[in-house]
Amino acid sequence: MNEQHVKGAAGKVSGKIKEFAGRVTGNRKLETEGKVDQVKGAVHNAVGDAKDAGKKAIDSVKNASSRH
């Protein structure tokens, strides 16, 4: 798990809390902010996944070249 995954998880959780609080209180702005935070969290997770995939690809190339 890298920094992007941590930011993603935090964004999703805080977003859900904001969305719920906005829904309960009738505050549409807060509810919308919560939804936006959740999307930002999902983007951070996607970036983290891409970084992990890139690192794995680089590592496999390094390992393949060291075998020859």
Protein backbone atom coordinates (compact mmCIF):
# COMPACT_ATOMS: atom_id res chain seq x y z
CA MET A 1 0.00 0.00 0.00
CA ASN A 2 1.47 3.34 -1.01
CA GLU A 3 0.71 6.96 -0.15
CA GLN A 4 -1.91 7.23 -2.89
CA HIS A 5 -3.84 4.27 -1.49
CA VAL A 6 -3.83 5.84 1.97
CA LYS A 7 -5.09 9.16 0.58
CA GLY A 8 -7.72 7.30 -1.39
CA ALA A 9 -9.02 5.43 1.61
CA ALA A 10 -9.09 8.59 3.71
CA GLY A 11 -10.93 10.49 0.99
CA LYS A 12 -13.54 7.80 0.60
CA VAL A 13 -14.21 7.57 4.34
CA SER A 14 -14.36 11.32 4.92
CA GLY A 15 -16.50 11.69 1.83
CA LYS A 16 -19.01 9.14 3.05
CA ILE A 17 -19.20 10.89 6.41
CA LYS A 18 -19.74 14.28 4.77
CA GLU A 19 -22.33 12.89 2.39
CA PHE A 20 -24.23 11.24 5.23
CA ALA A 21 -24.06 14.34 7.42
CA GLY A 22 -25.27 16.48 4.54
CA ARG A 23 -28.14 14.13 3.81
CA VAL A 24 -29.22 13.96 7.46
CA THR A 25 -29.08 17.73 7.97
CA GLY A 26 -30.48 18.61 4.57
CA ASN A 27 -27.26 20.41 3.64
CA ARG A 28 -26.98 19.70 -0.08
CA LYS A 29 -23.60 21.47 -0.33
CA LEU A 30 -22.06 19.21 2.31
CA GLU A 31 -23.62 16.17 0.69
CA THR A 32 -22.13 17.14 -2.67
CA GLU A 33 -18.72 17.80 -1.11
CA GLY A 34 -18.85 14.30 0.32
CA LYS A 35 -19.56 12.80 -3.07
CA VAL A 36 -16.70 14.80 -4.60
CA ASP A 37 -14.34 13.61 -1.85
CA GLN A 38 -15.30 10.01 -2.58
CA VAL A 39 -14.50 10.48 -6.27
CA LYS A 40 -11.15 12.05 -5.36
CA GLY A 41 -10.48 9.04 -3.15
CA ALA A 42 -11.22 6.68 -6.02
CA VAL A 43 -8.84 8.65 -8.24
CA HIS A 44 -6.08 8.40 -5.63
CA ASN A 45 -6.63 4.65 -5.48
CA ALA A 46 -6.41 4.39 -9.27
CA VAL A 47 -3.16 6.38 -9.26
CA GLY A 48 -1.81 4.11 -6.54
CA ASP A 49 -2.77 1.04 -8.56
CA ALA A 50 -1.04 2.46 -11.64
CA LYS A 51 2.12 3.20 -9.64
CA ASP A 52 2.10 -0.34 -8.25
CA ALA A 53 1.66 -1.81 -11.74
CA GLY A 54 4.48 0.34 -13.11
CA LYS A 55 6.79 -0.68 -10.29
CA LYS A 56 5.99 -4.36 -10.85
CA ALA A 57 6.65 -3.99 -14.58
CA ILE A 58 10.00 -2.30 -13.96
CA ASP A 59 10.95 -4.94 -11.40
CA SER A 60 10.09 -7.78 -13.78
CA VAL A 61 12.18 -6.20 -16.55
CA LYS A 62 15.11 -5.79 -14.16
CA ASN A 63 14.77 -9.37 -12.99
CA ALA A 64 14.48 -10.71 -16.54
CA SER A 65 17.60 -8.86 -17.68
CA SER A 66 19.62 -10.06 -14.69
CA ARG A 67 18.85 -13.69 -15.55
CA HIS A 68 20.63 -13.47 -18.87
